[in-house]
Amino acid sequence: MRLKISLGSGDGNYKIPFNYNYQLSSLIYRKIADLNLASELHISRGFKHFTFSQIYVPHRRITKNGIISQDGKLEFYISSPNDYLIKSMVESYLEEPEVFFMGDRLLVEQVELLKKPEFKDKAQMKTMSPVMVRVIRENRVWDLNPADLQFYTALQGNLLRKYRAFYGDYNGDEYVQIVPDMASVKRKRITIKKGGEETYNRAYQMRFMVEADPRLLEFIYDCGLGERNSMGFGMVKVDNSF
């Protein structure tokens, strides 16, 4: 299931920093009505099986210090194969139609449940938050990029592990082919500030064609592609414009 959350600050020229992943993740955890579920997800070291998009600002101005919402409005998307998690979020947003983001109180103007596309064995997709995948080489962690073949084998392995962790098993064809539109690939360097520490993440926005079992395609749509989905990486949408 997938939600679109529309927020408003009440004032124009609302400033949003470029690196907001941790703060937006914290906002999402606070809006899970089932507090036991929220706590369980927060402390889990395994897959959390949800993802969220970048913040979209319809009327924006870019400055060197961040994004300015000229009318105070912003929106983002949340997606998960866990329907109960999404329903718990809807309950919380409707019961308490405000959130706190970067220390500011924002009003929840709309919560929209989006219709899921129907999947066959191929789909054209576009990232709504950049995709990240890593491997360990020579005792070091390396961020892979779409020009590296291992980027795609690592994505496939991650997808199958996440699927099995959520459903308990997968008995279908494990074949997954991802073909990027290399002209669309853009690298994003995202800094996540948490507890006084900073981590740096290289991730990639892109459009791509993916061929796989329809169940895996639906799972990519629901859960995200690649690593650290619950920190705002790898959310995708169907895009038939290319």
C-alpha atoms as a PDB file:
ATOM      1  CA  MET A   1       0.000   0.000   0.000  1.00  0.00           C
ATOM      2  CA  ARG A   2       1.102   3.549  -0.666  1.00  0.00           C
ATOM      3  CA  LEU A   3       0.242   6.909   0.864  1.00  0.00           C
ATOM      4  CA  LYS A   4       0.712  10.464  -0.331  1.00  0.00           C
ATOM      5  CA  ILE A   5       1.072  12.889   2.581  1.00  0.00           C
ATOM      6  CA  SER A   6       0.542  16.612   1.903  1.00  0.00           C
ATOM      7  CA  LEU A   7       1.771  19.069   4.527  1.00  0.00           C
ATOM      8  CA  GLY A   8       1.608  22.821   4.996  1.00  0.00           C
ATOM      9  CA  SER A   9       3.571  25.157   7.255  1.00  0.00           C
ATOM     10  CA  GLY A  10       0.962  27.911   7.236  1.00  0.00           C
ATOM     11  CA  ASP A  11       3.600  30.383   6.079  1.00  0.00           C
ATOM     12  CA  GLY A  12       5.352  30.979   2.808  1.00  0.00           C
ATOM     13  CA  ASN A  13       9.076  30.612   2.216  1.00  0.00           C
ATOM     14  CA  TYR A  14       9.395  27.512   4.395  1.00  0.00           C
ATOM     15  CA  LYS A  15      12.988  26.245   4.333  1.00  0.00           C
ATOM     16  CA  ILE A  16      13.819  22.550   3.911  1.00  0.00           C
ATOM     17  CA  PRO A  17      17.476  21.442   4.199  1.00  0.00           C
ATOM     18  CA  PHE A  18      18.995  19.267   1.492  1.00  0.00           C
ATOM     19  CA  ASN A  19      19.780  16.416   3.893  1.00  0.00           C
ATOM     20  CA  TYR A  20      16.580  15.560   5.743  1.00  0.00           C
ATOM     21  CA  ASN A  21      16.363  11.751   5.559  1.00  0.00           C
ATOM     22  CA  TYR A  22      16.809  11.097   9.278  1.00  0.00           C
ATOM     23  CA  GLN A  23      14.339  13.824  10.281  1.00  0.00           C
ATOM     24  CA  LEU A  24      11.714  12.586   7.822  1.00  0.00           C
ATOM     25  CA  SER A  25      12.250   9.012   8.996  1.00  0.00           C
ATOM     26  CA  SER A  26      11.705  10.153  12.592  1.00  0.00           C
ATOM     27  CA  LEU A  27       8.493  11.922  11.574  1.00  0.00           C
ATOM     28  CA  ILE A  28       7.228   8.684  10.010  1.00  0.00           C
ATOM     29  CA  TYR A  29       7.978   6.567  13.089  1.00  0.00           C
ATOM     30  CA  ARG A  30       6.147   9.056  15.303  1.00  0.00           C
ATOM     31  CA  LYS A  31       3.037   8.728  13.120  1.00  0.00           C
ATOM     32  CA  ILE A  32       2.566   4.984  13.573  1.00  0.00           C
ATOM     33  CA  ALA A  33      -0.534   4.634  15.767  1.00  0.00           C
ATOM     34  CA  ASP A  34       0.473   1.160  16.993  1.00  0.00           C
ATOM     35  CA  LEU A  35       3.245   2.136  19.393  1.00  0.00           C
ATOM     36  CA  ASN A  36       4.421  -1.460  19.849  1.00  0.00           C
ATOM     37  CA  LEU A  37       4.856  -1.795  16.096  1.00  0.00           C
ATOM     38  CA  ALA A  38       6.686   1.533  15.916  1.00  0.00           C
ATOM     39  CA  SER A  39       9.062   0.460  18.691  1.00  0.00           C
ATOM     40  CA  GLU A  40       9.607  -2.968  17.128  1.00  0.00           C
ATOM     41  CA  LEU A  41      10.488  -1.441  13.762  1.00  0.00           C
ATOM     42  CA  HIS A  42      12.710   1.226  15.277  1.00  0.00           C
ATOM     43  CA  ILE A  43      14.919  -1.187  17.237  1.00  0.00           C
ATOM     44  CA  SER A  44      14.976  -3.946  14.614  1.00  0.00           C
ATOM     45  CA  ARG A  45      18.300  -4.572  12.893  1.00  0.00           C
ATOM     46  CA  GLY A  46      16.605  -6.495  10.110  1.00  0.00           C
ATOM     47  CA  PHE A  47      14.559  -5.347   7.135  1.00  0.00           C
ATOM     48  CA  LYS A  48      11.814  -2.930   8.168  1.00  0.00           C
ATOM     49  CA  HIS A  49       9.847  -3.342   4.915  1.00  0.00           C
ATOM     50  CA  PHE A  50       8.812   0.210   4.207  1.00  0.00           C
ATOM     51  CA  THR A  51      10.240   3.082   2.249  1.00  0.00           C
ATOM     52  CA  PHE A  52       9.585   6.734   1.600  1.00  0.00           C
ATOM     53  CA  SER A  53      10.228   9.229  -1.137  1.00  0.00           C
ATOM     54  CA  GLN A  54      12.109  12.466  -1.330  1.00  0.00           C
ATOM     55  CA  ILE A  55      10.171  15.552  -0.329  1.00  0.00           C
ATOM     56  CA  TYR A  56       8.389  17.160  -3.259  1.00  0.00           C
ATOM     57  CA  VAL A  57       7.888  20.929  -3.244  1.00  0.00           C
ATOM     58  CA  PRO A  58       5.494  22.085  -5.996  1.00  0.00           C
ATOM     59  CA  HIS A  59       6.422  25.766  -5.739  1.00  0.00           C
ATOM     60  CA  ARG A  60      10.091  25.815  -4.848  1.00  0.00           C
ATOM     61  CA  ARG A  61      13.176  27.953  -4.974  1.00  0.00           C
ATOM     62  CA  ILE A  62      16.617  26.374  -4.641  1.00  0.00           C
ATOM     63  CA  THR A  63      19.240  28.144  -2.568  1.00  0.00           C
ATOM     64  CA  LYS A  64      22.743  27.119  -1.503  1.00  0.00           C
ATOM     65  CA  ASN A  65      21.410  26.240   1.957  1.00  0.00           C
ATOM     66  CA  GLY A  66      18.283  24.304   1.034  1.00  0.00           C
ATOM     67  CA  ILE A  67      14.933  24.276  -0.714  1.00  0.00           C
ATOM     68  CA  ILE A  68      12.411  27.058  -0.141  1.00  0.00           C
ATOM     69  CA  SER A  69       8.715  26.170  -0.363  1.00  0.00           C
ATOM     70  CA  GLN A  70       7.330  29.480  -1.539  1.00  0.00           C
ATOM     71  CA  ASP A  71       3.771  28.682  -0.436  1.00  0.00           C
ATOM     72  CA  GLY A  72       4.736  26.571   2.590  1.00  0.00           C
ATOM     73  CA  LYS A  73       3.474  23.330   1.050  1.00  0.00           C
ATOM     74  CA  LEU A  74       5.357  20.050   0.680  1.00  0.00           C
ATOM     75  CA  GLU A  75       4.525  16.388   0.142  1.00  0.00           C
ATOM     76  CA  PHE A  76       6.059  12.948   0.328  1.00  0.00           C
ATOM     77  CA  TYR A  77       5.084   9.308  -0.207  1.00  0.00           C
ATOM     78  CA  ILE A  78       5.261   6.231   2.044  1.00  0.00           C
ATOM     79  CA  SER A  79       5.015   2.658   0.787  1.00  0.00           C
ATOM     80  CA  SER A  80       5.035  -0.806   2.358  1.00  0.00           C
ATOM     81  CA  PRO A  81       3.909  -4.382   1.649  1.00  0.00           C
ATOM     82  CA  ASN A  82       2.716  -4.388   5.280  1.00  0.00           C
ATOM     83  CA  ASP A  83      -0.889  -3.203   4.952  1.00  0.00           C
ATOM     84  CA  TYR A  84      -1.310  -3.040   8.729  1.00  0.00           C
ATOM     85  CA  LEU A  85       1.600  -0.598   8.995  1.00  0.00           C
ATOM     86  CA  ILE A  86       0.063   1.711   6.380  1.00  0.00           C
ATOM     87  CA  LYS A  87      -3.383   1.537   8.009  1.00  0.00           C
ATOM     88  CA  SER A  88      -1.809   2.375  11.370  1.00  0.00           C
ATOM     89  CA  MET A  89      -0.211   5.442   9.802  1.00  0.00           C
ATOM     90  CA  VAL A  90      -3.501   6.550   8.247  1.00  0.00           C
ATOM     91  CA  GLU A  91      -5.182   6.248  11.646  1.00  0.00           C
ATOM     92  CA  SER A  92      -2.522   8.408  13.278  1.00  0.00           C
ATOM     93  CA  TYR A  93      -2.552  11.119  10.598  1.00  0.00           C
ATOM     94  CA  LEU A  94      -6.345  11.372  10.761  1.00  0.00           C
ATOM     95  CA  GLU A  95      -6.531  11.376  14.564  1.00  0.00           C
ATOM     96  CA  GLU A  96      -3.800  13.984  14.958  1.00  0.00           C
ATOM     97  CA  PRO A  97      -3.513  16.023  11.731  1.00  0.00           C
ATOM     98  CA  GLU A  98      -0.174  17.628  12.466  1.00  0.00           C
ATOM     99  CA  VAL A  99       3.468  16.573  12.435  1.00  0.00           C
ATOM    100  CA  PHE A 100       6.755  17.941  13.722  1.00  0.00           C
ATOM    101  CA  PHE A 101       9.562  18.239  11.191  1.00  0.00           C
ATOM    102  CA  MET A 102      12.929  19.921  11.845  1.00  0.00           C
ATOM    103  CA  GLY A 103      11.432  21.350  15.024  1.00  0.00           C
ATOM    104  CA  ASP A 104       8.503  22.933  13.171  1.00  0.00           C
ATOM    105  CA  ARG A 105       4.812  22.129  13.484  1.00  0.00           C
ATOM    106  CA  LEU A 106       3.252  21.330  10.101  1.00  0.00           C
ATOM    107  CA  LEU A 107      -0.395  20.699   9.352  1.00  0.00           C
ATOM    108  CA  VAL A 108      -1.456  17.494   7.577  1.00  0.00           C
ATOM    109  CA  GLU A 109      -3.549  18.851   4.707  1.00  0.00           C
ATOM    110  CA  GLN A 110      -4.296  15.555   2.949  1.00  0.00           C
ATOM    111  CA  VAL A 111      -3.664  11.828   3.319  1.00  0.00           C
ATOM    112  CA  GLU A 112      -4.293   9.945   0.086  1.00  0.00           C
ATOM    113  CA  LEU A 113      -4.238   6.165  -0.380  1.00  0.00           C
ATOM    114  CA  LEU A 114      -2.956   5.509  -3.914  1.00  0.00           C
ATOM    115  CA  LYS A 115      -4.148   2.775  -6.229  1.00  0.00           C
ATOM    116  CA  LYS A 116      -1.532   0.122  -6.906  1.00  0.00           C
ATOM    117  CA  PRO A 117      -0.606  -0.601 -10.566  1.00  0.00           C
ATOM    118  CA  GLU A 118      -1.130  -4.064 -11.994  1.00  0.00           C
ATOM    119  CA  PHE A 119       2.132  -5.873 -12.710  1.00  0.00           C
ATOM    120  CA  LYS A 120       2.992  -8.408 -15.385  1.00  0.00           C
ATOM    121  CA  ASP A 121       6.551  -9.561 -16.067  1.00  0.00           C
ATOM    122  CA  LYS A 122       8.022  -6.209 -17.164  1.00  0.00           C
ATOM    123  CA  ALA A 123       7.727  -2.653 -15.934  1.00  0.00           C
ATOM    124  CA  GLN A 124       9.264   0.732 -16.571  1.00  0.00           C
ATOM    125  CA  MET A 125      10.087   2.500 -13.336  1.00  0.00           C
ATOM    126  CA  LYS A 126      11.582   5.710 -12.013  1.00  0.00           C
ATOM    127  CA  THR A 127      13.158   6.374  -8.641  1.00  0.00           C
ATOM    128  CA  MET A 128      11.311   8.600  -6.166  1.00  0.00           C
ATOM    129  CA  SER A 129      14.280   8.419  -3.806  1.00  0.00           C
ATOM    130  CA  PRO A 130      17.742   7.365  -4.959  1.00  0.00           C
ATOM    131  CA  VAL A 131      18.824   3.719  -5.001  1.00  0.00           C
ATOM    132  CA  MET A 132      21.790   2.625  -2.906  1.00  0.00           C
ATOM    133  CA  VAL A 133      23.594  -0.714  -2.818  1.00  0.00           C
ATOM    134  CA  ARG A 134      26.861  -1.629  -1.114  1.00  0.00           C
ATOM    135  CA  VAL A 135      29.382  -4.462  -1.010  1.00  0.00           C
ATOM    136  CA  ILE A 136      32.406  -5.221   1.123  1.00  0.00           C
ATOM    137  CA  ARG A 137      35.694  -5.320  -0.772  1.00  0.00           C
ATOM    138  CA  GLU A 138      39.088  -5.666   0.912  1.00  0.00           C
ATOM    139  CA  ASN A 139      37.462  -5.098   4.321  1.00  0.00           C
ATOM    140  CA  ARG A 140      35.972  -1.812   3.171  1.00  0.00           C
ATOM    141  CA  VAL A 141      32.379  -0.851   2.385  1.00  0.00           C
ATOM    142  CA  TRP A 142      31.926   0.344  -1.198  1.00  0.00           C
ATOM    143  CA  ASP A 143      28.928   2.123  -2.694  1.00  0.00           C
ATOM    144  CA  LEU A 144      28.248   0.594  -6.088  1.00  0.00           C
ATOM    145  CA  ASN A 145      27.108   2.562  -9.118  1.00  0.00           C
ATOM    146  CA  PRO A 146      24.945   1.673 -12.161  1.00  0.00           C
ATOM    147  CA  ALA A 147      28.027   1.337 -14.391  1.00  0.00           C
ATOM    148  CA  ASP A 148      29.150  -1.667 -12.327  1.00  0.00           C
ATOM    149  CA  LEU A 149      27.613  -5.072 -13.142  1.00  0.00           C
ATOM    150  CA  GLN A 150      27.750  -5.997  -9.462  1.00  0.00           C
ATOM    151  CA  PHE A 151      25.287  -3.160  -8.785  1.00  0.00           C
ATOM    152  CA  TYR A 152      22.566  -5.281 -10.421  1.00  0.00           C
ATOM    153  CA  THR A 153      23.500  -8.642  -8.937  1.00  0.00           C
ATOM    154  CA  ALA A 154      23.567  -7.007  -5.493  1.00  0.00           C
ATOM    155  CA  LEU A 155      20.123  -5.476  -6.126  1.00  0.00           C
ATOM    156  CA  GLN A 156      18.774  -8.896  -7.100  1.00  0.00           C
ATOM    157  CA  GLY A 157      20.181 -10.580  -3.999  1.00  0.00           C
ATOM    158  CA  ASN A 158      18.882  -7.841  -1.721  1.00  0.00           C
ATOM    159  CA  LEU A 159      15.417  -8.038  -3.283  1.00  0.00           C
ATOM    160  CA  LEU A 160      15.157 -11.803  -2.791  1.00  0.00           C
ATOM    161  CA  ARG A 161      16.371 -11.611   0.817  1.00  0.00           C
ATOM    162  CA  LYS A 162      13.835  -8.899   1.651  1.00  0.00           C
ATOM    163  CA  TYR A 163      11.011 -10.816  -0.028  1.00  0.00           C
ATOM    164  CA  ARG A 164      11.793 -14.025   1.858  1.00  0.00           C
ATOM    165  CA  ALA A 165      12.153 -12.148   5.134  1.00  0.00           C
ATOM    166  CA  PHE A 166       8.690 -10.648   4.711  1.00  0.00           C
ATOM    167  CA  TYR A 167       6.756 -13.600   3.271  1.00  0.00           C
ATOM    168  CA  GLY A 168       8.797 -16.441   4.750  1.00  0.00           C
ATOM    169  CA  ASP A 169       9.617 -18.042   1.388  1.00  0.00           C
ATOM    170  CA  TYR A 170       9.807 -17.458  -2.354  1.00  0.00           C
ATOM    171  CA  ASN A 171       9.193 -20.335  -4.766  1.00  0.00           C
ATOM    172  CA  GLY A 172       9.293 -18.466  -8.076  1.00  0.00           C
ATOM    173  CA  ASP A 173      11.846 -17.643 -10.741  1.00  0.00           C
ATOM    174  CA  GLU A 174      14.727 -15.681  -9.222  1.00  0.00           C
ATOM    175  CA  TYR A 175      15.598 -14.037 -12.541  1.00  0.00           C
ATOM    176  CA  VAL A 176      15.677 -10.238 -12.263  1.00  0.00           C
ATOM    177  CA  GLN A 177      16.932  -8.045 -15.097  1.00  0.00           C
ATOM    178  CA  ILE A 178      17.327  -4.310 -14.560  1.00  0.00           C
ATOM    179  CA  VAL A 179      18.263  -2.159 -17.551  1.00  0.00           C
ATOM    180  CA  PRO A 180      18.868   1.506 -16.713  1.00  0.00           C
ATOM    181  CA  ASP A 181      18.413   4.496 -18.971  1.00  0.00           C
ATOM    182  CA  MET A 182      21.997   5.627 -18.441  1.00  0.00           C
ATOM    183  CA  ALA A 183      21.209   9.135 -19.689  1.00  0.00           C
ATOM    184  CA  SER A 184      18.875   9.525 -16.718  1.00  0.00           C
ATOM    185  CA  VAL A 185      21.341   8.385 -14.035  1.00  0.00           C
ATOM    186  CA  LYS A 186      22.222  11.079 -11.496  1.00  0.00           C
ATOM    187  CA  ARG A 187      24.398  10.557  -8.448  1.00  0.00           C
ATOM    188  CA  LYS A 188      23.170  11.896  -5.124  1.00  0.00           C
ATOM    189  CA  ARG A 189      25.401  12.287  -2.095  1.00  0.00           C
ATOM    190  CA  ILE A 190      23.166  12.173   0.953  1.00  0.00           C
ATOM    191  CA  THR A 191      24.359  12.943   4.453  1.00  0.00           C
ATOM    192  CA  ILE A 192      22.438  11.381   7.333  1.00  0.00           C
ATOM    193  CA  LYS A 193      22.932  13.123  10.668  1.00  0.00           C
ATOM    194  CA  LYS A 194      22.021  11.004  13.676  1.00  0.00           C
ATOM    195  CA  GLY A 195      23.098  11.249  17.299  1.00  0.00           C
ATOM    196  CA  GLY A 196      25.885  13.709  16.534  1.00  0.00           C
ATOM    197  CA  GLU A 197      27.357  11.443  13.858  1.00  0.00           C
ATOM    198  CA  GLU A 198      27.226  11.807  10.096  1.00  0.00           C
ATOM    199  CA  THR A 199      27.195   9.055   7.470  1.00  0.00           C
ATOM    200  CA  TYR A 200      27.677   9.709   3.789  1.00  0.00           C
ATOM    201  CA  ASN A 201      25.743   7.734   1.193  1.00  0.00           C
ATOM    202  CA  ARG A 202      26.199   7.647  -2.563  1.00  0.00           C
ATOM    203  CA  ALA A 203      22.946   6.732  -4.269  1.00  0.00           C
ATOM    204  CA  TYR A 204      21.458   7.086  -7.719  1.00  0.00           C
ATOM    205  CA  GLN A 205      18.329   8.481  -9.283  1.00  0.00           C
ATOM    206  CA  MET A 206      17.388   6.860 -12.576  1.00  0.00           C
ATOM    207  CA  ARG A 207      14.763   5.472 -14.874  1.00  0.00           C
ATOM    208  CA  PHE A 208      14.985   1.785 -15.666  1.00  0.00           C
ATOM    209  CA  MET A 209      13.237  -1.222 -17.158  1.00  0.00           C
ATOM    210  CA  VAL A 210      12.908  -4.272 -14.937  1.00  0.00           C
ATOM    211  CA  GLU A 211      11.881  -7.796 -15.890  1.00  0.00           C
ATOM    212  CA  ALA A 212      11.006 -10.302 -13.157  1.00  0.00           C
ATOM    213  CA  ASP A 213       8.251 -12.404 -11.612  1.00  0.00           C
ATOM    214  CA  PRO A 214       5.227 -10.076 -11.146  1.00  0.00           C
ATOM    215  CA  ARG A 215       5.340 -10.788  -7.417  1.00  0.00           C
ATOM    216  CA  LEU A 216       8.859  -9.375  -7.259  1.00  0.00           C
ATOM    217  CA  LEU A 217       7.876  -6.327  -9.312  1.00  0.00           C
ATOM    218  CA  GLU A 218       5.006  -5.605  -6.934  1.00  0.00           C
ATOM    219  CA  PHE A 219       7.386  -6.022  -3.995  1.00  0.00           C
ATOM    220  CA  ILE A 220       9.849  -3.536  -5.522  1.00  0.00           C
ATOM    221  CA  TYR A 221       6.972  -1.067  -5.803  1.00  0.00           C
ATOM    222  CA  ASP A 222       5.801  -1.674  -2.231  1.00  0.00           C
ATOM    223  CA  CYS A 223       9.089  -2.041  -0.379  1.00  0.00           C
ATOM    224  CA  GLY A 224      11.707  -0.270  -2.474  1.00  0.00           C
ATOM    225  CA  LEU A 225      14.793  -1.276  -4.429  1.00  0.00           C
ATOM    226  CA  GLY A 226      18.233  -1.640  -2.877  1.00  0.00           C
ATOM    227  CA  GLU A 227      19.370  -0.958   0.670  1.00  0.00           C
ATOM    228  CA  ARG A 228      18.278   1.336   3.523  1.00  0.00           C
ATOM    229  CA  ASN A 229      14.726   1.678   2.244  1.00  0.00           C
ATOM    230  CA  SER A 230      13.466   2.721   5.686  1.00  0.00           C
ATOM    231  CA  MET A 231      15.907   5.652   5.631  1.00  0.00           C
ATOM    232  CA  GLY A 232      14.446   6.970   2.402  1.00  0.00           C
ATOM    233  CA  PHE A 233      16.323   5.111  -0.322  1.00  0.00           C
ATOM    234  CA  GLY A 234      15.034   3.142  -3.300  1.00  0.00           C
ATOM    235  CA  MET A 235      11.368   4.146  -3.566  1.00  0.00           C
ATOM    236  CA  VAL A 236      10.131   3.777  -7.153  1.00  0.00           C
ATOM    237  CA  LYS A 237       7.056   4.419  -9.249  1.00  0.00           C
ATOM    238  CA  VAL A 238       5.826   3.062 -12.556  1.00  0.00           C
ATOM    239  CA  ASP A 239       6.799   5.458 -15.357  1.00  0.00           C
ATOM    240  CA  ASN A 240       5.809   4.728 -18.937  1.00  0.00           C
ATOM    241  CA  SER A 241       7.160   7.998 -20.340  1.00  0.00           C
ATOM    242  CA  PHE A 242      10.335   6.520 -21.849  1.00  0.00           C
END
